[in-house]
Amino acid sequence: MSSFQEYYPRMRELADYLLNNPELGYKEYKTSEAIEEAIHEITPMAKAEHFRNTGIKVVFNNHQTKTIGIIAELDSLYQPGHRNADSETGAAQACDHYTQVTIALAIMNELVKNKRIGDFGANLAFIFTPAEEFVDLEWRKKQKAEGKITYFGGKQEAIKLGVFDDVDYCVSVHAIGEDFERRTIEINCDLAGFNFQYFDFFGKASHAAFAPEEGVNAQSIATLFTTALAFKRQQLKNPNQIRFNPVMIGDNTESINVIPDHVSMGTDIRYFDVEYAQQLMKQFNQAAEGCSLALGGNFKSETQVGYLPLRSNRDMNALVKNVFLRNDKISELIENRGYTMAAGDIGDVSYLMPTIQIGYGGWNGTIHGSDFKLVDPVFVLDIFPEFIFNSVLEISNNLNKIRTYRRTNQEYLEQLNKMGAEK
């Protein structure tokens, strides 16, 4: 029996605990405590580095010149309809993050139990990161205003704090949001970057029946703006790699017999080309200005920086494929999707260094939905962790086959600033 099989009951126990104790980003206190307890069960002498209250980093020094980071995410998302949601916060494990944790711990257990660190051609850093899900934004805005965080994404914050300074390559994993008849993994899938833009349109209130000519209808400006963005889709370059979705936000407190003088809107913009996304955001502002002028109102806008695109390293993925071809427990490999318009702050890490995200099945329902659930725990908590262990081992011993780059934190911050982040 392998150490992964022996460790399976403990990981099933931990997975059940995390599933039933979901926490939103930067608030993962029970999650972090449970992980640290599991780490010290594996290796009581482990030195855990803490960051942003809940983040944990543990390094296994193999006296090599390069270090591979193994990333797992701590947080849940807001999905109060999920059967395992927290009744007070609405947090729910409607993604896969809790099994990312067990996968990392199972790898760590094999590393220690069977004294495997010497097999690797690199040092290993296990990094448990907070706040991947871009939710709970009003609370995070308050935390930022109070100087407690700088970025809404946990990996962005970790980069700023230097958590990745001694890491040269990163491996992450993530559930594939699809049902599969057979055990399936995915490689070579890039993720989009995204920003949010917020628009406030201002008009002039008046009695809608007695004196409509005295008013300027902010709702009409917003409707004109929505139409302008709809026509903008006709002019898009590479339209399959751009997404935006304008929606009304906030509460309408006006009476229906009053011309509305204020309407708030927001849109995401999902992209792969940073420069082109910048152009589009400027054009959205121009459209907002033109629509406001056309009807005699005005506007203001705000940009909220999200995450950068993930460019999944093809050289590292080729080594993962080698491991897949030698394995007899996972039957299906997806390697030709190319990209998805979903996003994650793993993209920010990939800007700094070669990074991959390996997808895994074993789930049912809609990812991020109220019906998302684990249906193949043996695959996810036993077989797949062993596969990732072997993949990291393969990568570590073939670093010469990977085209390597390392951007600085300053270059990273400049890239965020391009997208509208504060300097």
Protein backbone atom coordinates (compact mmCIF):
# COMPACT_ATOMS: atom_id res chain seq x y z
CA MET A 1 0.00 0.00 0.00
CA SER A 2 1.40 3.40 -0.99
CA SER A 3 1.67 6.29 1.45
CA PHE A 4 -1.05 8.03 -0.55
CA GLN A 5 -3.44 5.14 0.07
CA GLU A 6 -2.48 5.01 3.75
CA TYR A 7 -2.99 8.76 4.09
CA TYR A 8 -6.33 8.72 2.29
CA PRO A 9 -8.53 8.34 5.42
CA ARG A 10 -6.84 11.33 7.07
CA MET A 11 -7.26 13.41 3.91
CA ARG A 12 -10.90 12.36 3.62
CA GLU A 13 -11.42 13.50 7.20
CA LEU A 14 -9.72 16.84 6.55
CA ALA A 15 -11.59 17.37 3.27
CA ASP A 16 -14.91 16.80 5.04
CA TYR A 17 -13.93 19.26 7.76
CA LEU A 18 -12.95 21.97 5.27
CA LEU A 19 -16.06 21.34 3.17
CA ASN A 20 -18.22 21.99 6.21
CA ASN A 21 -16.22 24.96 7.49
CA PRO A 22 -15.90 27.22 4.42
CA GLU A 23 -14.36 30.67 4.86
CA LEU A 24 -14.05 33.70 2.60
CA GLY A 25 -10.71 35.13 1.52
CA TYR A 26 -8.32 36.60 4.12
CA LYS A 27 -10.61 35.08 6.80
CA GLU A 28 -9.55 31.42 6.48
CA TYR A 29 -8.57 31.05 10.14
CA LYS A 30 -10.05 27.60 10.82
CA THR A 31 -8.72 26.39 7.48
CA SER A 32 -5.22 27.66 8.18
CA GLU A 33 -5.22 26.19 11.68
CA ALA A 34 -6.31 22.77 10.39
CA ILE A 35 -3.58 22.82 7.73
CA GLU A 36 -0.87 23.74 10.20
CA GLU A 37 -2.03 20.94 12.50
CA ALA A 38 -1.78 18.48 9.59
CA ILE A 39 1.67 19.77 8.66
CA HIS A 40 2.96 19.23 12.21
CA GLU A 41 1.47 15.73 12.22
CA ILE A 42 3.57 15.00 9.14
CA THR A 43 6.74 16.71 10.35
CA PRO A 44 6.73 18.22 13.86
CA MET A 45 9.91 20.17 13.12
CA ALA A 46 8.43 21.98 10.12
CA LYS A 47 9.04 25.71 10.11
CA ALA A 48 5.89 27.37 8.84
CA GLU A 49 6.15 30.93 7.55
CA HIS A 50 2.92 32.88 7.93
CA PHE A 51 1.75 35.74 5.75
CA ARG A 52 -1.39 37.88 5.71
CA ASN A 53 -2.72 36.08 8.79
CA THR A 54 -3.86 32.88 7.09
CA GLY A 55 -1.25 32.16 4.42
CA ILE A 56 1.33 29.44 5.13
CA LYS A 57 4.62 28.56 3.44
CA VAL A 58 6.78 25.53 4.25
CA VAL A 59 10.10 24.98 2.45
CA PHE A 60 11.89 21.65 2.09
CA ASN A 61 15.50 22.58 1.40
CA ASN A 62 17.22 20.05 -0.82
CA HIS A 63 20.34 22.23 -1.18
CA GLN A 64 19.56 22.87 -4.84
CA THR A 65 19.86 26.15 -6.73
CA LYS A 66 16.21 26.16 -7.89
CA THR A 67 12.92 25.89 -6.02
CA ILE A 68 9.54 24.64 -7.21
CA GLY A 69 6.47 26.06 -5.52
CA ILE A 70 3.43 23.82 -4.98
CA ILE A 71 0.40 26.05 -4.52
CA ALA A 72 -2.89 25.34 -2.77
CA GLU A 73 -5.70 27.83 -2.15
CA LEU A 74 -7.42 28.29 1.20
CA ASP A 75 -10.61 30.19 0.54
CA SER A 76 -14.20 29.52 -0.40
CA LEU A 77 -16.55 31.64 -2.48
CA TYR A 78 -19.93 33.22 -1.81
CA GLN A 79 -22.61 30.67 -2.68
CA PRO A 80 -25.26 30.65 0.06
CA GLY A 81 -27.42 28.17 -1.86
CA HIS A 82 -24.85 25.39 -1.54
CA ARG A 83 -25.84 22.58 0.81
CA ASN A 84 -22.57 22.97 2.76
CA ALA A 85 -22.64 26.77 2.88
CA ASP A 86 -21.98 28.68 6.08
CA SER A 87 -25.37 29.96 7.16
CA GLU A 88 -23.94 33.24 8.48
CA THR A 89 -21.40 34.24 5.82
CA GLY A 90 -22.75 32.47 2.73
CA ALA A 91 -19.29 31.00 2.12
CA ALA A 92 -19.25 27.62 0.39
CA GLN A 93 -16.72 25.21 -1.08
CA ALA A 94 -18.39 25.42 -4.48
CA CYS A 95 -14.97 25.22 -6.08
CA ASP A 96 -12.20 22.73 -5.33
CA HIS A 97 -9.89 24.62 -3.01
CA TYR A 98 -10.31 22.31 -0.06
CA THR A 99 -8.98 19.40 -2.13
CA GLN A 100 -6.07 21.48 -3.37
CA VAL A 101 -5.10 21.57 0.30
CA THR A 102 -5.34 17.80 0.73
CA ILE A 103 -3.39 17.21 -2.48
CA ALA A 104 -0.51 19.37 -1.23
CA LEU A 105 -0.53 17.69 2.19
CA ALA A 106 -0.55 14.19 0.66
CA ILE A 107 2.52 15.16 -1.38
CA MET A 108 4.21 16.50 1.73
CA ASN A 109 3.39 13.29 3.61
CA GLU A 110 5.03 11.14 0.91
CA LEU A 111 8.03 13.45 0.89
CA VAL A 112 8.59 12.99 4.63
CA LYS A 113 7.32 9.46 5.28
CA ASN A 114 9.47 7.87 2.59
CA LYS A 115 12.33 10.39 2.77
CA ARG A 116 11.90 11.39 -0.88
CA ILE A 117 13.27 14.94 -0.90
CA GLY A 118 16.65 13.67 -2.13
CA ASP A 119 14.99 12.34 -5.28
CA PHE A 120 14.18 15.87 -6.43
CA GLY A 121 16.43 18.13 -8.48
CA ALA A 122 15.03 21.21 -6.73
CA ASN A 123 13.95 22.50 -3.37
CA LEU A 124 10.20 22.38 -2.74
CA ALA A 125 8.06 25.16 -1.27
CA PHE A 126 4.46 24.42 -0.26
CA ILE A 127 2.49 27.68 -0.42
CA PHE A 128 -1.06 27.82 0.93
CA THR A 129 -2.49 31.09 -0.35
CA PRO A 130 -5.56 33.04 0.80
CA ALA A 131 -8.21 34.90 -1.18
CA GLU A 132 -8.18 33.54 -4.72
CA GLU A 133 -11.89 34.13 -5.25
CA PHE A 134 -12.67 37.75 -6.21
CA VAL A 135 -15.57 38.16 -3.77
CA ASP A 136 -16.48 40.04 -0.56
CA LEU A 137 -15.26 43.17 -2.32
CA GLU A 138 -16.74 45.81 -0.01
CA TRP A 139 -14.98 44.24 2.97
CA ARG A 140 -11.71 44.03 1.03
CA LYS A 141 -12.06 47.67 -0.01
CA LYS A 142 -12.31 48.56 3.67
CA GLN A 143 -9.29 46.40 4.49
CA LYS A 144 -7.33 48.14 1.74
CA ALA A 145 -8.39 51.59 2.95
CA GLU A 146 -7.17 50.66 6.44
CA GLY A 147 -3.81 49.50 5.04
CA LYS A 148 -4.34 45.86 6.02
CA ILE A 149 -4.06 44.60 2.42
CA THR A 150 -2.91 46.12 -0.84
CA TYR A 151 -4.45 43.70 -3.32
CA PHE A 152 -7.70 41.77 -3.39
CA GLY A 153 -5.99 38.59 -4.64
CA GLY A 154 -4.04 36.51 -2.16
CA LYS A 155 -1.25 35.58 -4.57
CA GLN A 156 -0.90 39.22 -5.57
CA GLU A 157 -0.49 40.07 -1.90
CA ALA A 158 1.99 37.20 -1.43
CA ILE A 159 4.06 38.47 -4.37
CA LYS A 160 4.16 41.93 -2.82
CA LEU A 161 5.26 40.43 0.54
CA GLY A 162 8.11 38.46 -1.06
CA VAL A 163 6.63 34.99 -0.52
CA PHE A 164 7.61 33.98 -4.07
CA ASP A 165 11.02 35.67 -4.08
CA ASP A 166 12.92 32.39 -3.63
CA VAL A 167 10.69 30.36 -5.97
CA ASP A 168 11.61 29.71 -9.62
CA TYR A 169 8.76 27.52 -10.95
CA CYS A 170 5.21 26.95 -9.75
CA VAL A 171 2.77 24.05 -10.00
CA SER A 172 -0.91 24.52 -9.18
CA VAL A 173 -3.99 22.37 -9.64
CA HIS A 174 -7.66 23.15 -10.17
CA ALA A 175 -10.90 21.27 -10.69
CA ILE A 176 -12.24 21.10 -14.23
CA GLY A 177 -15.82 22.35 -14.18
CA GLU A 178 -17.21 19.46 -16.20
CA ASP A 179 -18.54 15.93 -15.63
CA PHE A 180 -16.43 13.05 -16.93
CA GLU A 181 -17.23 9.36 -17.25
CA ARG A 182 -13.57 8.44 -16.79
CA ARG A 183 -10.78 9.85 -14.65
CA THR A 184 -9.49 12.91 -16.47
CA ILE A 185 -6.80 15.56 -16.16
CA GLU A 186 -6.03 18.64 -18.25
CA ILE A 187 -2.87 20.51 -19.22
CA ASN A 188 -1.97 23.43 -21.54
CA CYS A 189 -5.03 25.52 -20.67
CA ASP A 190 -4.45 29.26 -20.27
CA LEU A 191 -6.69 31.53 -18.19
CA ALA A 192 -7.86 35.03 -19.01
CA GLY A 193 -6.97 38.12 -17.06
CA PHE A 194 -9.68 40.50 -15.94
CA ASN A 195 -10.47 43.98 -14.67
CA PHE A 196 -13.67 45.57 -13.41
CA GLN A 197 -14.84 49.00 -14.55
CA TYR A 198 -17.52 50.89 -12.65
CA PHE A 199 -19.54 53.76 -14.14
CA ASP A 200 -21.81 56.25 -12.37
CA PHE A 201 -24.13 58.20 -14.64
CA PHE A 202 -25.62 61.45 -13.37
CA GLY A 203 -28.63 63.33 -14.67
CA LYS A 204 -31.19 65.66 -13.13
CA ALA A 205 -34.28 64.57 -11.22
CA SER A 206 -37.71 65.98 -12.07
CA HIS A 207 -41.37 64.97 -11.93
CA ALA A 208 -41.76 62.34 -14.64
CA ALA A 209 -45.33 63.42 -15.48
CA PHE A 210 -45.51 67.13 -14.68
CA ALA A 211 -42.08 68.29 -15.88
CA PRO A 212 -40.10 65.56 -17.68
CA GLU A 213 -38.48 68.23 -19.86
CA GLU A 214 -36.74 69.57 -16.75
CA GLY A 215 -35.00 66.29 -16.06
CA VAL A 216 -32.01 64.39 -17.45
CA ASN A 217 -32.62 60.66 -17.22
CA ALA A 218 -29.57 58.82 -15.88
CA GLN A 219 -31.27 55.52 -16.70
CA SER A 220 -31.47 56.57 -20.34
CA ILE A 221 -27.76 57.43 -20.35
CA ALA A 222 -26.96 54.01 -18.91
CA THR A 223 -29.17 52.33 -21.51
CA LEU A 224 -27.45 54.24 -24.31
CA PHE A 225 -24.09 53.19 -22.88
CA THR A 226 -25.16 49.54 -22.79
CA THR A 227 -26.15 49.85 -26.44
CA ALA A 228 -22.80 51.43 -27.31
CA LEU A 229 -20.95 48.51 -25.72
CA ALA A 230 -23.17 46.08 -27.63
CA PHE A 231 -22.17 47.75 -30.90
CA LYS A 232 -18.53 47.76 -29.75
CA ARG A 233 -18.54 43.95 -29.93
CA GLN A 234 -18.70 44.28 -33.73
CA GLN A 235 -15.32 46.02 -33.71
CA LEU A 236 -13.43 43.60 -31.47
CA LYS A 237 -10.11 42.09 -32.44
CA ASN A 238 -10.02 38.36 -31.58
CA PRO A 239 -13.56 38.47 -30.14
CA ASN A 240 -13.30 34.96 -28.71
CA GLN A 241 -10.56 36.17 -26.38
CA ILE A 242 -12.44 39.18 -25.01
CA ARG A 243 -15.43 39.16 -22.67
CA PHE A 244 -17.35 42.01 -21.09
CA ASN A 245 -20.73 41.99 -19.41
CA PRO A 246 -22.24 45.37 -18.43
CA VAL A 247 -24.84 45.18 -15.67
CA MET A 248 -26.76 47.60 -13.46
CA ILE A 249 -25.56 47.54 -9.87
CA GLY A 250 -26.83 48.93 -6.61
CA ASP A 251 -30.37 49.60 -5.41
CA ASN A 252 -32.87 51.82 -7.19
CA THR A 253 -34.23 54.18 -4.53
CA GLU A 254 -36.09 56.48 -6.92
CA SER A 255 -39.87 56.65 -7.18
CA ILE A 256 -41.23 55.57 -10.56
CA ASN A 257 -42.72 59.05 -11.10
CA VAL A 258 -39.31 60.72 -10.76
CA ILE A 259 -36.77 61.02 -13.56
CA PRO A 260 -33.75 59.16 -12.11
CA ASP A 261 -30.67 61.30 -11.59
CA HIS A 262 -28.14 58.57 -10.75
CA VAL A 263 -27.53 55.06 -12.05
CA SER A 264 -24.53 52.80 -11.34
CA MET A 265 -23.19 50.22 -13.76
CA GLY A 266 -20.28 47.86 -13.86
CA THR A 267 -18.63 45.56 -16.34
CA ASP A 268 -15.84 43.07 -16.26
CA ILE A 269 -13.35 42.90 -19.10
CA ARG A 270 -11.65 39.55 -19.58
CA TYR A 271 -8.65 39.43 -21.84
CA PHE A 272 -5.35 37.83 -22.84
CA ASP A 273 -3.75 40.87 -24.51
CA VAL A 274 -2.91 43.46 -21.84
CA GLU A 275 -2.27 46.28 -24.29
CA TYR A 276 -5.53 45.65 -26.12
CA ALA A 277 -7.46 45.51 -22.86
CA GLN A 278 -6.04 48.92 -21.98
CA GLN A 279 -7.28 50.30 -25.31
CA LEU A 280 -10.75 48.88 -24.74
CA MET A 281 -11.02 50.35 -21.25
CA LYS A 282 -10.18 53.77 -22.67
CA GLN A 283 -12.81 53.27 -25.37
CA PHE A 284 -15.38 52.29 -22.73
CA ASN A 285 -14.66 55.56 -20.95
CA GLN A 286 -15.05 57.44 -24.24
CA ALA A 287 -18.38 55.73 -24.83
CA ALA A 288 -19.55 56.65 -21.32
CA GLU A 289 -18.56 60.26 -21.91
CA GLY A 290 -20.26 60.40 -25.30
CA CYS A 291 -23.50 58.87 -24.04
CA SER A 292 -23.56 61.28 -21.11
CA LEU A 293 -22.98 64.32 -23.33
CA ALA A 294 -25.60 63.16 -25.82
CA LEU A 295 -28.34 63.34 -23.18
CA GLY A 296 -27.01 66.25 -21.13
CA GLY A 297 -25.62 64.35 -18.15
CA ASN A 298 -22.20 63.42 -16.89
CA PHE A 299 -20.37 60.42 -15.48
CA LYS A 300 -17.45 59.21 -13.44
CA SER A 301 -15.62 55.88 -13.70
CA GLU A 302 -13.39 53.71 -11.56
CA THR A 303 -11.15 50.80 -12.47
CA GLN A 304 -10.63 47.84 -10.16
CA VAL A 305 -7.66 45.69 -11.13
CA GLY A 306 -8.30 41.96 -11.14
CA TYR A 307 -5.81 39.29 -12.21
CA LEU A 308 -3.32 38.87 -15.04
CA PRO A 309 -3.68 36.07 -17.62
CA LEU A 310 -2.22 32.63 -16.92
CA ARG A 311 0.23 31.55 -19.59
CA SER A 312 0.59 27.89 -18.73
CA ASN A 313 4.17 26.80 -19.44
CA ARG A 314 4.20 24.31 -22.31
CA ASP A 315 7.63 22.87 -21.45
CA MET A 316 6.54 21.99 -17.92
CA ASN A 317 3.28 20.56 -19.25
CA ALA A 318 5.18 18.37 -21.71
CA LEU A 319 6.94 16.79 -18.73
CA VAL A 320 3.58 16.27 -17.02
CA LYS A 321 2.34 14.53 -20.16
CA ASN A 322 5.29 12.13 -19.95
CA VAL A 323 4.12 11.14 -16.47
CA PHE A 324 0.57 10.70 -17.73
CA LEU A 325 1.74 8.38 -20.52
CA ARG A 326 3.54 6.19 -17.97
CA ASN A 327 0.62 6.05 -15.52
CA ASP A 328 -2.09 3.36 -15.48
CA LYS A 329 -4.62 4.96 -13.11
CA ILE A 330 -5.76 8.07 -15.03
CA SER A 331 -7.27 7.30 -18.41
CA GLU A 332 -8.01 10.63 -20.10
CA LEU A 333 -5.88 13.68 -20.91
CA ILE A 334 -7.20 16.98 -22.29
CA GLU A 335 -4.33 18.93 -23.82
CA ASN A 336 -5.79 20.89 -26.73
CA ARG A 337 -8.38 23.28 -25.23
CA GLY A 338 -5.84 26.11 -25.41
CA TYR A 339 -7.59 28.60 -23.15
CA THR A 340 -10.67 29.40 -21.16
CA MET A 341 -12.09 32.80 -20.26
CA ALA A 342 -12.12 31.86 -16.57
CA ALA A 343 -9.50 33.62 -14.46
CA GLY A 344 -7.42 33.17 -11.33
CA ASP A 345 -4.59 34.93 -9.56
CA ILE A 346 -2.28 32.08 -10.58
CA GLY A 347 -1.94 34.23 -13.71
CA ASP A 348 -0.05 36.82 -11.67
CA VAL A 349 2.43 34.13 -10.62
CA SER A 350 2.86 33.05 -14.24
CA TYR A 351 3.87 36.59 -15.14
CA LEU A 352 6.84 36.21 -12.78
CA MET A 353 8.03 32.68 -13.58
CA PRO A 354 7.19 29.45 -15.46
CA THR A 355 3.91 28.21 -14.00
CA ILE A 356 1.34 25.53 -14.76
CA GLN A 357 -2.15 24.67 -13.59
CA ILE A 358 -3.15 21.03 -13.94
CA GLY A 359 -6.89 20.40 -14.10
CA TYR A 360 -8.61 17.38 -12.56
CA GLY A 361 -12.03 15.80 -12.78
CA GLY A 362 -13.89 13.87 -10.11
CA TRP A 363 -16.67 16.42 -9.68
CA ASN A 364 -20.33 16.76 -10.52
CA GLY A 365 -22.60 19.78 -10.92
CA THR A 366 -21.77 23.34 -11.89
CA ILE A 367 -18.48 24.73 -10.65
CA HIS A 368 -19.23 27.78 -8.46
CA GLY A 369 -22.84 26.59 -8.41
CA SER A 370 -25.01 25.38 -5.55
CA ASP A 371 -24.86 21.76 -6.80
CA PHE A 372 -21.08 21.38 -7.15
CA LYS A 373 -19.79 18.32 -5.31
CA LEU A 374 -16.97 15.77 -5.14
CA VAL A 375 -18.06 12.42 -6.60
CA ASP A 376 -14.75 10.52 -6.93
CA PRO A 377 -12.84 11.08 -3.68
CA VAL A 378 -10.44 8.17 -4.32
CA PHE A 379 -9.27 9.85 -7.51
CA VAL A 380 -9.06 13.35 -6.06
CA LEU A 381 -7.62 12.50 -2.63
CA ASP A 382 -5.42 9.50 -3.46
CA ILE A 383 -4.65 8.87 -7.15
CA PHE A 384 -4.32 12.46 -8.34
CA PRO A 385 -1.98 13.59 -5.48
CA GLU A 386 0.38 10.75 -6.38
CA PHE A 387 0.24 11.85 -10.01
CA ILE A 388 1.12 15.43 -9.02
CA PHE A 389 3.97 14.17 -6.84
CA ASN A 390 5.41 12.29 -9.82
CA SER A 391 4.87 15.27 -12.10
CA VAL A 392 6.74 17.66 -9.80
CA LEU A 393 9.49 15.02 -9.52
CA GLU A 394 9.71 14.81 -13.32
CA ILE A 395 9.83 18.59 -13.66
CA SER A 396 12.49 18.96 -10.97
CA ASN A 397 14.81 16.52 -12.69
CA ASN A 398 14.38 18.06 -16.15
CA LEU A 399 14.71 21.76 -15.47
CA ASN A 400 17.14 22.05 -18.36
CA LYS A 401 14.22 21.32 -20.72
CA ILE A 402 12.22 24.33 -19.53
CA ARG A 403 12.65 27.75 -21.10
CA THR A 404 13.07 29.79 -17.97
CA TYR A 405 12.33 33.43 -17.21
CA ARG A 406 12.16 35.45 -14.01
CA ARG A 407 10.58 38.88 -13.96
CA THR A 408 11.09 41.15 -11.00
CA ASN A 409 8.44 42.25 -8.54
CA GLN A 410 8.91 45.78 -9.83
CA GLU A 411 8.14 44.66 -13.39
CA TYR A 412 5.06 42.90 -12.04
CA LEU A 413 3.86 46.02 -10.22
CA GLU A 414 4.38 48.07 -13.39
CA GLN A 415 2.22 45.59 -15.29
CA LEU A 416 -0.55 45.96 -12.71
CA ASN A 417 -0.24 49.72 -12.88
CA LYS A 418 -0.81 49.54 -16.65
CA MET A 419 -4.17 47.97 -15.91
CA GLY A 420 -5.12 50.73 -13.49
CA ALA A 421 -3.65 49.73 -10.14
CA GLU A 422 -2.51 52.43 -7.76
CA LYS A 423 1.21 53.04 -7.67
